[in-house]
Amino acid sequence: MKMALVVALVSDDKTTDVIDAAREGGATGDTIISGVRGEGLRPEKTFLGLDLTSRRDMVLFLVAEQRARDILERIAEAGGMDREHGDGVAFQITIEDAVGLSTQLPRLMEELEEAQ
């Protein structure tokens, strides 16, 4: 089965919405890395050397490649990524191989067969 890694970088107040949207699209699990930082075209301002940027999370989803684009679009909508500057970004990366998915593969295969 071909897999894809969907990565979402979102403010921590949108993490739950992004996870819910991905799960509705067929994601069977997620990994959250909290407290990540990043900068876009316009660097965030500081006040007396204190960072004023909001907390961000990196949320990772290892999904069936056939579902990746739909999950990506759901994440973008839930995170409001195309509405305002700094609302986050999401992307997918093709995964050549993965291990440790034996408990999730039967469910993934069943869902993919039902979708066809």
PDB file of N, CA and C in Angstrom:
ATOM      1  N   MET A   1       0.844  -1.174   0.000  1.00  0.00           N
ATOM      2  CA  MET A   1       0.000   0.000   0.000  1.00  0.00           C
ATOM      3  C   MET A   1       0.890   1.238   0.000  1.00  0.00           C
ATOM      4  N   LYS A   2       0.588   2.168  -0.886  1.00  0.00           N
ATOM      5  CA  LYS A   2       1.333   3.416  -0.918  1.00  0.00           C
ATOM      6  C   LYS A   2       0.809   4.334   0.178  1.00  0.00           C
ATOM      7  N   MET A   3       1.751   5.015   0.843  1.00  0.00           N
ATOM      8  CA  MET A   3       1.402   5.884   1.962  1.00  0.00           C
ATOM      9  C   MET A   3       1.872   7.306   1.669  1.00  0.00           C
ATOM     10  N   ALA A   4       1.305   8.249   2.407  1.00  0.00           N
ATOM     11  CA  ALA A   4       1.733   9.644   2.334  1.00  0.00           C
ATOM     12  C   ALA A   4       1.774  10.190   3.754  1.00  0.00           C
ATOM     13  N   LEU A   5       2.698  11.088   3.990  1.00  0.00           N
ATOM     14  CA  LEU A   5       2.775  11.791   5.258  1.00  0.00           C
ATOM     15  C   LEU A   5       2.171  13.165   5.033  1.00  0.00           C
ATOM     16  N   VAL A   6       1.090  13.447   5.738  1.00  0.00           N
ATOM     17  CA  VAL A   6       0.473  14.764   5.683  1.00  0.00           C
ATOM     18  C   VAL A   6       0.945  15.522   6.911  1.00  0.00           C
ATOM     19  N   VAL A   7       1.533  16.691   6.685  1.00  0.00           N
ATOM     20  CA  VAL A   7       2.084  17.513   7.755  1.00  0.00           C
ATOM     21  C   VAL A   7       1.296  18.811   7.814  1.00  0.00           C
ATOM     22  N   ALA A   8       0.818  19.165   8.996  1.00  0.00           N
ATOM     23  CA  ALA A   8       0.093  20.418   9.186  1.00  0.00           C
ATOM     24  C   ALA A   8       0.791  21.230  10.267  1.00  0.00           C
ATOM     25  N   LEU A   9       1.075  22.484   9.971  1.00  0.00           N
ATOM     26  CA  LEU A   9       1.650  23.417  10.937  1.00  0.00           C
ATOM     27  C   LEU A   9       0.569  24.432  11.254  1.00  0.00           C
ATOM     28  N   VAL A  10       0.032  24.372  12.473  1.00  0.00           N
ATOM     29  CA  VAL A  10      -1.127  25.196  12.832  1.00  0.00           C
ATOM     30  C   VAL A  10      -0.962  25.792  14.216  1.00  0.00           C
ATOM     31  N   SER A  11      -1.700  26.875  14.469  1.00  0.00           N
ATOM     32  CA  SER A  11      -1.694  27.422  15.823  1.00  0.00           C
ATOM     33  C   SER A  11      -2.368  26.413  16.748  1.00  0.00           C
ATOM     34  N   ASP A  12      -1.920  26.392  17.988  1.00  0.00           N
ATOM     35  CA  ASP A  12      -2.388  25.328  18.884  1.00  0.00           C
ATOM     36  C   ASP A  12      -3.884  25.382  19.158  1.00  0.00           C
ATOM     37  N   ASP A  13      -4.528  26.511  18.946  1.00  0.00           N
ATOM     38  CA  ASP A  13      -5.976  26.565  19.159  1.00  0.00           C
ATOM     39  C   ASP A  13      -6.759  25.915  18.016  1.00  0.00           C
ATOM     40  N   LYS A  14      -6.088  25.572  16.916  1.00  0.00           N
ATOM     41  CA  LYS A  14      -6.744  24.916  15.788  1.00  0.00           C
ATOM     42  C   LYS A  14      -6.367  23.443  15.658  1.00  0.00           C
ATOM     43  N   THR A  15      -5.491  22.970  16.528  1.00  0.00           N
ATOM     44  CA  THR A  15      -5.004  21.596  16.421  1.00  0.00           C
ATOM     45  C   THR A  15      -6.133  20.572  16.480  1.00  0.00           C
ATOM     46  N   THR A  16      -7.031  20.711  17.423  1.00  0.00           N
ATOM     47  CA  THR A  16      -8.125  19.753  17.577  1.00  0.00           C
ATOM     48  C   THR A  16      -9.025  19.746  16.338  1.00  0.00           C
ATOM     49  N   ASP A  17      -9.315  20.921  15.794  1.00  0.00           N
ATOM     50  CA  ASP A  17     -10.157  20.998  14.595  1.00  0.00           C
ATOM     51  C   ASP A  17      -9.482  20.313  13.405  1.00  0.00           C
ATOM     52  N   VAL A  18      -8.176  20.503  13.278  1.00  0.00           N
ATOM     53  CA  VAL A  18      -7.418  19.896  12.180  1.00  0.00           C
ATOM     54  C   VAL A  18      -7.408  18.374  12.323  1.00  0.00           C
ATOM     55  N   ILE A  19      -7.193  17.887  13.532  1.00  0.00           N
ATOM     56  CA  ILE A  19      -7.195  16.442  13.776  1.00  0.00           C
ATOM     57  C   ILE A  19      -8.572  15.846  13.468  1.00  0.00           C
ATOM     58  N   ASP A  20      -9.630  16.502  13.936  1.00  0.00           N
ATOM     59  CA  ASP A  20     -10.985  16.010  13.671  1.00  0.00           C
ATOM     60  C   ASP A  20     -11.263  15.949  12.169  1.00  0.00           C
ATOM     61  N   ALA A  21     -10.846  16.985  11.438  1.00  0.00           N
ATOM     62  CA  ALA A  21     -11.063  17.019   9.989  1.00  0.00           C
ATOM     63  C   ALA A  21     -10.299  15.891   9.292  1.00  0.00           C
ATOM     64  N   ALA A  22      -9.064  15.657   9.708  1.00  0.00           N
ATOM     65  CA  ALA A  22      -8.260  14.587   9.105  1.00  0.00           C
ATOM     66  C   ALA A  22      -8.875  13.217   9.397  1.00  0.00           C
ATOM     67  N   ARG A  23      -9.348  13.023  10.593  1.00  0.00           N
ATOM     68  CA  ARG A  23      -9.966  11.737  10.946  1.00  0.00           C
ATOM     69  C   ARG A  23     -11.252  11.509  10.157  1.00  0.00           C
ATOM     70  N   GLU A  24     -12.026  12.576   9.930  1.00  0.00           N
ATOM     71  CA  GLU A  24     -13.234  12.459   9.109  1.00  0.00           C
ATOM     72  C   GLU A  24     -12.881  12.070   7.676  1.00  0.00           C
ATOM     73  N   GLY A  25     -11.682  12.452   7.242  1.00  0.00           N
ATOM     74  CA  GLY A  25     -11.230  12.114   5.896  1.00  0.00           C
ATOM     75  C   GLY A  25     -10.568  10.751   5.787  1.00  0.00           C
ATOM     76  N   GLY A  26     -10.388  10.061   6.912  1.00  0.00           N
ATOM     77  CA  GLY A  26      -9.836   8.713   6.867  1.00  0.00           C
ATOM     78  C   GLY A  26      -8.515   8.512   7.579  1.00  0.00           C
ATOM     79  N   ALA A  27      -7.947   9.540   8.188  1.00  0.00           N
ATOM     80  CA  ALA A  27      -6.716   9.362   8.960  1.00  0.00           C
ATOM     81  C   ALA A  27      -7.020   8.488  10.174  1.00  0.00           C
ATOM     82  N   THR A  28      -6.134   7.544  10.459  1.00  0.00           N
ATOM     83  CA  THR A  28      -6.370   6.612  11.563  1.00  0.00           C
ATOM     84  C   THR A  28      -5.537   6.936  12.797  1.00  0.00           C
ATOM     85  N   GLY A  29      -4.719   7.960  12.737  1.00  0.00           N
ATOM     86  CA  GLY A  29      -3.899   8.339  13.878  1.00  0.00           C
ATOM     87  C   GLY A  29      -3.175   9.636  13.587  1.00  0.00           C
ATOM     88  N   ASP A  30      -2.541  10.171  14.602  1.00  0.00           N
ATOM     89  CA  ASP A  30      -1.801  11.413  14.431  1.00  0.00           C
ATOM     90  C   ASP A  30      -0.682  11.495  15.455  1.00  0.00           C
ATOM     91  N   THR A  31       0.283  12.329  15.159  1.00  0.00           N
ATOM     92  CA  THR A  31       1.364  12.638  16.086  1.00  0.00           C
ATOM     93  C   THR A  31       1.442  14.153  16.168  1.00  0.00           C
ATOM     94  N   ILE A  32       1.505  14.678  17.384  1.00  0.00           N
ATOM     95  CA  ILE A  32       1.559  16.128  17.585  1.00  0.00           C
ATOM     96  C   ILE A  32       2.908  16.490  18.190  1.00  0.00           C
ATOM     97  N   ILE A  33       3.566  17.441  17.561  1.00  0.00           N
ATOM     98  CA  ILE A  33       4.799  18.009  18.103  1.00  0.00           C
ATOM     99  C   ILE A  33       4.449  19.442  18.497  1.00  0.00           C
ATOM    100  N   SER A  34       4.478  19.727  19.774  1.00  0.00           N
ATOM    101  CA  SER A  34       4.050  21.038  20.278  1.00  0.00           C
ATOM    102  C   SER A  34       5.203  22.023  20.345  1.00  0.00           C
ATOM    103  N   GLY A  35       4.840  23.285  20.306  1.00  0.00           N
ATOM    104  CA  GLY A  35       5.803  24.348  20.526  1.00  0.00           C
ATOM    105  C   GLY A  35       6.764  24.604  19.389  1.00  0.00           C
ATOM    106  N   VAL A  36       6.345  24.363  18.143  1.00  0.00           N
ATOM    107  CA  VAL A  36       7.228  24.651  17.009  1.00  0.00           C
ATOM    108  C   VAL A  36       7.129  26.136  16.670  1.00  0.00           C
ATOM    109  N   ARG A  37       8.158  26.647  16.019  1.00  0.00           N
ATOM    110  CA  ARG A  37       8.173  28.055  15.624  1.00  0.00           C
ATOM    111  C   ARG A  37       8.501  28.157  14.157  1.00  0.00           C
ATOM    112  N   GLY A  38       8.020  29.216  13.543  1.00  0.00           N
ATOM    113  CA  GLY A  38       8.308  29.433  12.138  1.00  0.00           C
ATOM    114  C   GLY A  38       8.038  30.869  11.761  1.00  0.00           C
ATOM    115  N   GLU A  39       8.497  31.235  10.578  1.00  0.00           N
ATOM    116  CA  GLU A  39       8.322  32.591  10.095  1.00  0.00           C
ATOM    117  C   GLU A  39       7.945  32.552   8.634  1.00  0.00           C
ATOM    118  N   GLY A  40       7.004  33.384   8.239  1.00  0.00           N
ATOM    119  CA  GLY A  40       6.598  33.479   6.844  1.00  0.00           C
ATOM    120  C   GLY A  40       7.264  34.658   6.161  1.00  0.00           C
ATOM    121  N   LEU A  41       6.548  35.239   5.213  1.00  0.00           N
ATOM    122  CA  LEU A  41       7.086  36.380   4.477  1.00  0.00           C
ATOM    123  C   LEU A  41       7.348  37.585   5.374  1.00  0.00           C
ATOM    124  N   ARG A  42       6.437  37.788   6.314  1.00  0.00           N
ATOM    125  CA  ARG A  42       6.577  38.924   7.226  1.00  0.00           C
ATOM    126  C   ARG A  42       6.930  38.420   8.619  1.00  0.00           C
ATOM    127  N   PRO A  43       8.151  38.678   9.082  1.00  0.00           N
ATOM    128  CA  PRO A  43       8.534  38.231  10.427  1.00  0.00           C
ATOM    129  C   PRO A  43       7.611  38.837  11.484  1.00  0.00           C
ATOM    130  N   GLU A  44       7.318  38.041  12.516  1.00  0.00           N
ATOM    131  CA  GLU A  44       6.476  38.511  13.607  1.00  0.00           C
ATOM    132  C   GLU A  44       7.221  39.553  14.431  1.00  0.00           C
ATOM    133  N   LYS A  45       6.461  40.418  15.062  1.00  0.00           N
ATOM    134  CA  LYS A  45       7.055  41.472  15.873  1.00  0.00           C
ATOM    135  C   LYS A  45       7.360  40.962  17.273  1.00  0.00           C
ATOM    136  N   THR A  46       8.309  41.628  17.899  1.00  0.00           N
ATOM    137  CA  THR A  46       8.622  41.320  19.294  1.00  0.00           C
ATOM    138  C   THR A  46       8.417  42.574  20.129  1.00  0.00           C
ATOM    139  N   PHE A  47       8.269  42.387  21.406  1.00  0.00           N
ATOM    140  CA  PHE A  47       8.124  43.502  22.336  1.00  0.00           C
ATOM    141  C   PHE A  47       9.173  43.334  23.421  1.00  0.00           C
ATOM    142  N   LEU A  48      10.121  44.222  23.445  1.00  0.00           N
ATOM    143  CA  LEU A  48      11.223  44.159  24.411  1.00  0.00           C
ATOM    144  C   LEU A  48      11.929  42.805  24.386  1.00  0.00           C
ATOM    145  N   GLY A  49      12.073  42.262  23.177  1.00  0.00           N
ATOM    146  CA  GLY A  49      12.768  40.993  23.019  1.00  0.00           C
ATOM    147  C   GLY A  49      11.911  39.764  23.260  1.00  0.00           C
ATOM    148  N   LEU A  50      10.649  39.953  23.648  1.00  0.00           N
ATOM    149  CA  LEU A  50       9.737  38.817  23.867  1.00  0.00           C
ATOM    150  C   LEU A  50       9.016  38.482  22.574  1.00  0.00           C
ATOM    151  N   ASP A  51       8.939  37.225  22.277  1.00  0.00           N
ATOM    152  CA  ASP A  51       8.290  36.757  21.071  1.00  0.00           C
ATOM    153  C   ASP A  51       6.779  36.857  21.237  1.00  0.00           C
ATOM    154  N   LEU A  52       6.099  37.516  20.300  1.00  0.00           N
ATOM    155  CA  LEU A  52       4.654  37.690  20.387  1.00  0.00           C
ATOM    156  C   LEU A  52       3.884  36.682  19.534  1.00  0.00           C
ATOM    157  N   THR A  53       4.577  35.754  18.914  1.00  0.00           N
ATOM    158  CA  THR A  53       3.894  34.782  18.062  1.00  0.00           C
ATOM    159  C   THR A  53       3.106  33.796  18.915  1.00  0.00           C
ATOM    160  N   SER A  54       2.019  33.302  18.329  1.00  0.00           N
ATOM    161  CA  SER A  54       1.212  32.308  19.047  1.00  0.00           C
ATOM    162  C   SER A  54       1.913  30.954  19.006  1.00  0.00           C
ATOM    163  N   ARG A  55       1.538  30.098  19.930  1.00  0.00           N
ATOM    164  CA  ARG A  55       2.095  28.747  19.943  1.00  0.00           C
ATOM    165  C   ARG A  55       1.596  27.989  18.727  1.00  0.00           C
ATOM    166  N   ARG A  56       2.471  27.164  18.196  1.00  0.00           N
ATOM    167  CA  ARG A  56       2.132  26.363  17.024  1.00  0.00           C
ATOM    168  C   ARG A  56       2.394  24.892  17.301  1.00  0.00           C
ATOM    169  N   ASP A  57       1.659  24.065  16.605  1.00  0.00           N
ATOM    170  CA  ASP A  57       1.850  22.623  16.675  1.00  0.00           C
ATOM    171  C   ASP A  57       2.138  22.097  15.274  1.00  0.00           C
ATOM    172  N   MET A  58       2.921  21.030  15.227  1.00  0.00           N
ATOM    173  CA  MET A  58       3.110  20.282  13.992  1.00  0.00           C
ATOM    174  C   MET A  58       2.347  18.977  14.183  1.00  0.00           C
ATOM    175  N   VAL A  59       1.393  18.730  13.291  1.00  0.00           N
ATOM    176  CA  VAL A  59       0.580  17.525  13.386  1.00  0.00           C
ATOM    177  C   VAL A  59       0.903  16.652  12.169  1.00  0.00           C
ATOM    178  N   LEU A  60       1.249  15.396  12.437  1.00  0.00           N
ATOM    179  CA  LEU A  60       1.658  14.451  11.393  1.00  0.00           C
ATOM    180  C   LEU A  60       0.614  13.345  11.261  1.00  0.00           C
ATOM    181  N   PHE A  61       0.266  13.038  10.023  1.00  0.00           N
ATOM    182  CA  PHE A  61      -0.679  11.964   9.731  1.00  0.00           C
ATOM    183  C   PHE A  61      -0.056  11.061   8.677  1.00  0.00           C
ATOM    184  N   LEU A  62       0.092   9.794   8.959  1.00  0.00           N
ATOM    185  CA  LEU A  62       0.540   8.814   7.978  1.00  0.00           C
ATOM    186  C   LEU A  62      -0.721   8.151   7.429  1.00  0.00           C
ATOM    187  N   VAL A  63      -1.005   8.395   6.148  1.00  0.00           N
ATOM    188  CA  VAL A  63      -2.289   7.992   5.582  1.00  0.00           C
ATOM    189  C   VAL A  63      -2.092   7.240   4.272  1.00  0.00           C
ATOM    190  N   ALA A  64      -3.144   6.556   3.836  1.00  0.00           N
ATOM    191  CA  ALA A  64      -3.133   5.919   2.522  1.00  0.00           C
ATOM    192  C   ALA A  64      -3.041   7.024   1.466  1.00  0.00           C
ATOM    193  N   GLU A  65      -2.174   6.814   0.485  1.00  0.00           N
ATOM    194  CA  GLU A  65      -1.930   7.844  -0.525  1.00  0.00           C
ATOM    195  C   GLU A  65      -3.219   8.281  -1.235  1.00  0.00           C
ATOM    196  N   GLN A  66      -4.151   7.348  -1.445  1.00  0.00           N
ATOM    197  CA  GLN A  66      -5.403   7.666  -2.131  1.00  0.00           C
ATOM    198  C   GLN A  66      -6.241   8.682  -1.362  1.00  0.00           C
ATOM    199  N   ARG A  67      -6.052   8.769  -0.061  1.00  0.00           N
ATOM    200  CA  ARG A  67      -6.847   9.676   0.773  1.00  0.00           C
ATOM    201  C   ARG A  67      -6.128  10.983   1.099  1.00  0.00           C
ATOM    202  N   ALA A  68      -4.858  11.063   0.758  1.00  0.00           N
ATOM    203  CA  ALA A  68      -4.032  12.189   1.199  1.00  0.00           C
ATOM    204  C   ALA A  68      -4.559  13.544   0.731  1.00  0.00           C
ATOM    205  N   ARG A  69      -4.917  13.663  -0.533  1.00  0.00           N
ATOM    206  CA  ARG A  69      -5.367  14.972  -1.041  1.00  0.00           C
ATOM    207  C   ARG A  69      -6.649  15.430  -0.363  1.00  0.00           C
ATOM    208  N   ASP A  70      -7.595  14.520  -0.185  1.00  0.00           N
ATOM    209  CA  ASP A  70      -8.845  14.867   0.497  1.00  0.00           C
ATOM    210  C   ASP A  70      -8.567  15.301   1.940  1.00  0.00           C
ATOM    211  N   ILE A  71      -7.707  14.571   2.626  1.00  0.00           N
ATOM    212  CA  ILE A  71      -7.352  14.929   4.000  1.00  0.00           C
ATOM    213  C   ILE A  71      -6.674  16.288   4.028  1.00  0.00           C
ATOM    214  N   LEU A  72      -5.785  16.544   3.095  1.00  0.00           N
ATOM    215  CA  LEU A  72      -5.098  17.828   3.004  1.00  0.00           C
ATOM    216  C   LEU A  72      -6.099  18.971   2.827  1.00  0.00           C
ATOM    217  N   GLU A  73      -7.069  18.794   1.965  1.00  0.00           N
ATOM    218  CA  GLU A  73      -8.083  19.837   1.745  1.00  0.00           C
ATOM    219  C   GLU A  73      -8.952  20.044   2.979  1.00  0.00           C
ATOM    220  N   ARG A  74      -9.286  18.962   3.666  1.00  0.00           N
ATOM    221  CA  ARG A  74     -10.072  19.085   4.901  1.00  0.00           C
ATOM    222  C   ARG A  74      -9.293  19.839   5.978  1.00  0.00           C
ATOM    223  N   ILE A  75      -8.008  19.542   6.083  1.00  0.00           N
ATOM    224  CA  ILE A  75      -7.146  20.225   7.050  1.00  0.00           C
ATOM    225  C   ILE A  75      -7.073  21.717   6.732  1.00  0.00           C
ATOM    226  N   ALA A  76      -6.905  22.047   5.463  1.00  0.00           N
ATOM    227  CA  ALA A  76      -6.827  23.456   5.063  1.00  0.00           C
ATOM    228  C   ALA A  76      -8.099  24.211   5.436  1.00  0.00           C
ATOM    229  N   GLU A  77      -9.234  23.582   5.218  1.00  0.00           N
ATOM    230  CA  GLU A  77     -10.512  24.216   5.562  1.00  0.00           C
ATOM    231  C   GLU A  77     -10.660  24.369   7.074  1.00  0.00           C
ATOM    232  N   ALA A  78     -10.387  23.304   7.815  1.00  0.00           N
ATOM    233  CA  ALA A  78     -10.539  23.343   9.278  1.00  0.00           C
ATOM    234  C   ALA A  78      -9.569  24.333   9.933  1.00  0.00           C
ATOM    235  N   GLY A  79      -8.378  24.449   9.359  1.00  0.00           N
ATOM    236  CA  GLY A  79      -7.376  25.357   9.917  1.00  0.00           C
ATOM    237  C   GLY A  79      -7.459  26.768   9.375  1.00  0.00           C
ATOM    238  N   GLY A  80      -8.350  26.999   8.417  1.00  0.00           N
ATOM    239  CA  GLY A  80      -8.491  28.323   7.825  1.00  0.00           C
ATOM    240  C   GLY A  80      -7.223  28.792   7.136  1.00  0.00           C
ATOM    241  N   MET A  81      -6.519  27.883   6.499  1.00  0.00           N
ATOM    242  CA  MET A  81      -5.179  28.177   5.973  1.00  0.00           C
ATOM    243  C   MET A  81      -5.151  29.123   4.794  1.00  0.00           C
ATOM    244  N   ASP A  82      -6.237  29.260   4.086  1.00  0.00           N
ATOM    245  CA  ASP A  82      -6.243  30.143   2.931  1.00  0.00           C
ATOM    246  C   ASP A  82      -6.996  31.454   3.196  1.00  0.00           C
ATOM    247  N   ARG A  83      -7.272  31.739   4.453  1.00  0.00           N
ATOM    248  CA  ARG A  83      -8.038  32.948   4.765  1.00  0.00           C
ATOM    249  C   ARG A  83      -7.161  34.130   5.156  1.00  0.00           C
ATOM    250  N   GLU A  84      -6.147  33.905   5.976  1.00  0.00           N
ATOM    251  CA  GLU A  84      -5.325  35.008   6.459  1.00  0.00           C
ATOM    252  C   GLU A  84      -3.862  34.620   6.549  1.00  0.00           C
ATOM    253  N   HIS A  85      -3.015  35.627   6.519  1.00  0.00           N
ATOM    254  CA  HIS A  85      -1.577  35.439   6.699  1.00  0.00           C
ATOM    255  C   HIS A  85      -1.315  34.787   8.061  1.00  0.00           C
ATOM    256  N   GLY A  86      -0.471  33.775   8.070  1.00  0.00           N
ATOM    257  CA  GLY A  86      -0.065  33.151   9.327  1.00  0.00           C
ATOM    258  C   GLY A  86      -1.006  32.105   9.879  1.00  0.00           C
ATOM    259  N   ASP A  87      -2.006  31.684   9.096  1.00  0.00           N
ATOM    260  CA  ASP A  87      -2.966  30.700   9.601  1.00  0.00           C
ATOM    261  C   ASP A  87      -2.484  29.262   9.491  1.00  0.00           C
ATOM    262  N   GLY A  88      -1.293  29.053   8.963  1.00  0.00           N
ATOM    263  CA  GLY A  88      -0.735  27.718   8.909  1.00  0.00           C
ATOM    264  C   GLY A  88      -0.512  27.244   7.490  1.00  0.00           C
ATOM    265  N   VAL A  89       0.095  26.085   7.419  1.00  0.00           N
ATOM    266  CA  VAL A  89       0.396  25.468   6.131  1.00  0.00           C
ATOM    267  C   VAL A  89       0.316  23.953   6.310  1.00  0.00           C
ATOM    268  N   ALA A  90      -0.054  23.267   5.247  1.00  0.00           N
ATOM    269  CA  ALA A  90      -0.090  21.802   5.269  1.00  0.00           C
ATOM    270  C   ALA A  90       0.432  21.300   3.929  1.00  0.00           C
ATOM    271  N   PHE A  91       1.075  20.141   3.968  1.00  0.00           N
ATOM    272  CA  PHE A  91       1.612  19.554   2.745  1.00  0.00           C
ATOM    273  C   PHE A  91       1.697  18.055   2.916  1.00  0.00           C
ATOM    274  N   GLN A  92       1.918  17.359   1.800  1.00  0.00           N
ATOM    275  CA  GLN A  92       2.052  15.906   1.852  1.00  0.00           C
ATOM    276  C   GLN A  92       3.371  15.487   1.228  1.00  0.00           C
ATOM    277  N   ILE A  93       3.898  14.381   1.734  1.00  0.00           N
ATOM    278  CA  ILE A  93       5.145  13.805   1.255  1.00  0.00           C
ATOM    279  C   ILE A  93       4.888  12.323   0.989  1.00  0.00           C
ATOM    280  N   THR A  94       5.319  11.838  -0.155  1.00  0.00           N
ATOM    281  CA  THR A  94       5.160  10.422  -0.474  1.00  0.00           C
ATOM    282  C   THR A  94       6.106   9.596   0.401  1.00  0.00           C
ATOM    283  N   ILE A  95       5.586   8.534   0.974  1.00  0.00           N
ATOM    284  CA  ILE A  95       6.359   7.637   1.829  1.00  0.00           C
ATOM    285  C   ILE A  95       6.605   6.342   1.050  1.00  0.00           C
ATOM    286  N   GLU A  96       7.856   5.984   0.938  1.00  0.00           N
ATOM    287  CA  GLU A  96       8.210   4.778   0.189  1.00  0.00           C
ATOM    288  C   GLU A  96       7.889   3.509   0.974  1.00  0.00           C
ATOM    289  N   ASP A  97       8.120   3.536   2.278  1.00  0.00           N
ATOM    290  CA  ASP A  97       7.907   2.341   3.091  1.00  0.00           C
ATOM    291  C   ASP A  97       7.696   2.764   4.535  1.00  0.00           C
ATOM    292  N   ALA A  98       7.010   1.953   5.306  1.00  0.00           N
ATOM    293  CA  ALA A  98       6.774   2.231   6.727  1.00  0.00           C
ATOM    294  C   ALA A  98       6.591   0.916   7.466  1.00  0.00           C
ATOM    295  N   VAL A  99       6.962   0.898   8.728  1.00  0.00           N
ATOM    296  CA  VAL A  99       6.740  -0.258   9.600  1.00  0.00           C
ATOM    297  C   VAL A  99       5.980   0.215  10.836  1.00  0.00           C
ATOM    298  N   GLY A 100       5.436  -0.728  11.578  1.00  0.00           N
ATOM    299  CA  GLY A 100       4.726  -0.386  12.805  1.00  0.00           C
ATOM    300  C   GLY A 100       3.263  -0.054  12.600  1.00  0.00           C
ATOM    301  N   LEU A 101       2.719  -0.427  11.465  1.00  0.00           N
ATOM    302  CA  LEU A 101       1.322  -0.101  11.165  1.00  0.00           C
ATOM    303  C   LEU A 101       0.413  -1.326  11.167  1.00  0.00           C
ATOM    304  N   SER A 102       0.893  -2.429  11.699  1.00  0.00           N
ATOM    305  CA  SER A 102       0.143  -3.683  11.593  1.00  0.00           C
ATOM    306  C   SER A 102      -1.241  -3.602  12.231  1.00  0.00           C
ATOM    307  N   THR A 103      -1.417  -2.770  13.246  1.00  0.00           N
ATOM    308  CA  THR A 103      -2.739  -2.667  13.873  1.00  0.00           C
ATOM    309  C   THR A 103      -3.687  -1.784  13.065  1.00  0.00           C
ATOM    310  N   GLN A 104      -3.158  -0.901  12.224  1.00  0.00           N
ATOM    311  CA  GLN A 104      -4.005   0.012  11.457  1.00  0.00           C
ATOM    312  C   GLN A 104      -4.246  -0.449  10.022  1.00  0.00           C
ATOM    313  N   LEU A 105      -3.360  -1.268   9.471  1.00  0.00           N
ATOM    314  CA  LEU A 105      -3.487  -1.676   8.069  1.00  0.00           C
ATOM    315  C   LEU A 105      -4.797  -2.388   7.735  1.00  0.00           C
ATOM    316  N   PRO A 106      -5.284  -3.320   8.562  1.00  0.00           N
ATOM    317  CA  PRO A 106      -6.557  -3.962   8.196  1.00  0.00           C
ATOM    318  C   PRO A 106      -7.702  -2.963   8.047  1.00  0.00           C
ATOM    319  N   ARG A 107      -7.765  -1.977   8.934  1.00  0.00           N
ATOM    320  CA  ARG A 107      -8.827  -0.983   8.844  1.00  0.00           C
ATOM    321  C   ARG A 107      -8.654  -0.115   7.597  1.00  0.00           C
ATOM    322  N   LEU A 108      -7.432   0.280   7.310  1.00  0.00           N
ATOM    323  CA  LEU A 108      -7.163   1.077   6.116  1.00  0.00           C
ATOM    324  C   LEU A 108      -7.552   0.331   4.849  1.00  0.00           C
ATOM    325  N   MET A 109      -7.164  -0.922   4.747  1.00  0.00           N
ATOM    326  CA  MET A 109      -7.485  -1.719   3.581  1.00  0.00           C
ATOM    327  C   MET A 109      -8.998  -1.870   3.418  1.00  0.00           C
ATOM    328  N   GLU A 110      -9.691  -2.102   4.528  1.00  0.00           N
ATOM    329  CA  GLU A 110     -11.153  -2.249   4.491  1.00  0.00           C
ATOM    330  C   GLU A 110     -11.803  -0.962   4.007  1.00  0.00           C
ATOM    331  N   GLU A 111     -11.369   0.174   4.516  1.00  0.00           N
ATOM    332  CA  GLU A 111     -11.938   1.442   4.109  1.00  0.00           C
ATOM    333  C   GLU A 111     -11.668   1.750   2.641  1.00  0.00           C
ATOM    334  N   LEU A 112     -10.486   1.428   2.174  1.00  0.00           N
ATOM    335  CA  LEU A 112     -10.152   1.672   0.779  1.00  0.00           C
ATOM    336  C   LEU A 112     -10.982   0.801  -0.156  1.00  0.00           C
ATOM    337  N   GLU A 113     -11.234  -0.455   0.229  1.00  0.00           N
ATOM    338  CA  GLU A 113     -12.063  -1.336  -0.586  1.00  0.00           C
ATOM    339  C   GLU A 113     -13.500  -0.842  -0.640  1.00  0.00           C
ATOM    340  N   GLU A 114     -14.007  -0.340   0.484  1.00  0.00           N
ATOM    341  CA  GLU A 114     -15.376   0.186   0.527  1.00  0.00           C
ATOM    342  C   GLU A 114     -15.527   1.422  -0.338  1.00  0.00           C
ATOM    343  N   ALA A 115     -14.479   2.217  -0.424  1.00  0.00           N
ATOM    344  CA  ALA A 115     -14.523   3.470  -1.188  1.00  0.00           C
ATOM    345  C   ALA A 115     -14.537   3.231  -2.695  1.00  0.00           C
ATOM    346  N   GLN A 116     -14.079   2.047  -3.130  1.00  0.00           N
ATOM    347  CA  GLN A 116     -14.012   1.771  -4.575  1.00  0.00           C
ATOM    348  C   GLN A 116     -15.297   1.335  -5.136  1.00  0.00           C
TER     349      GLN A 116
END
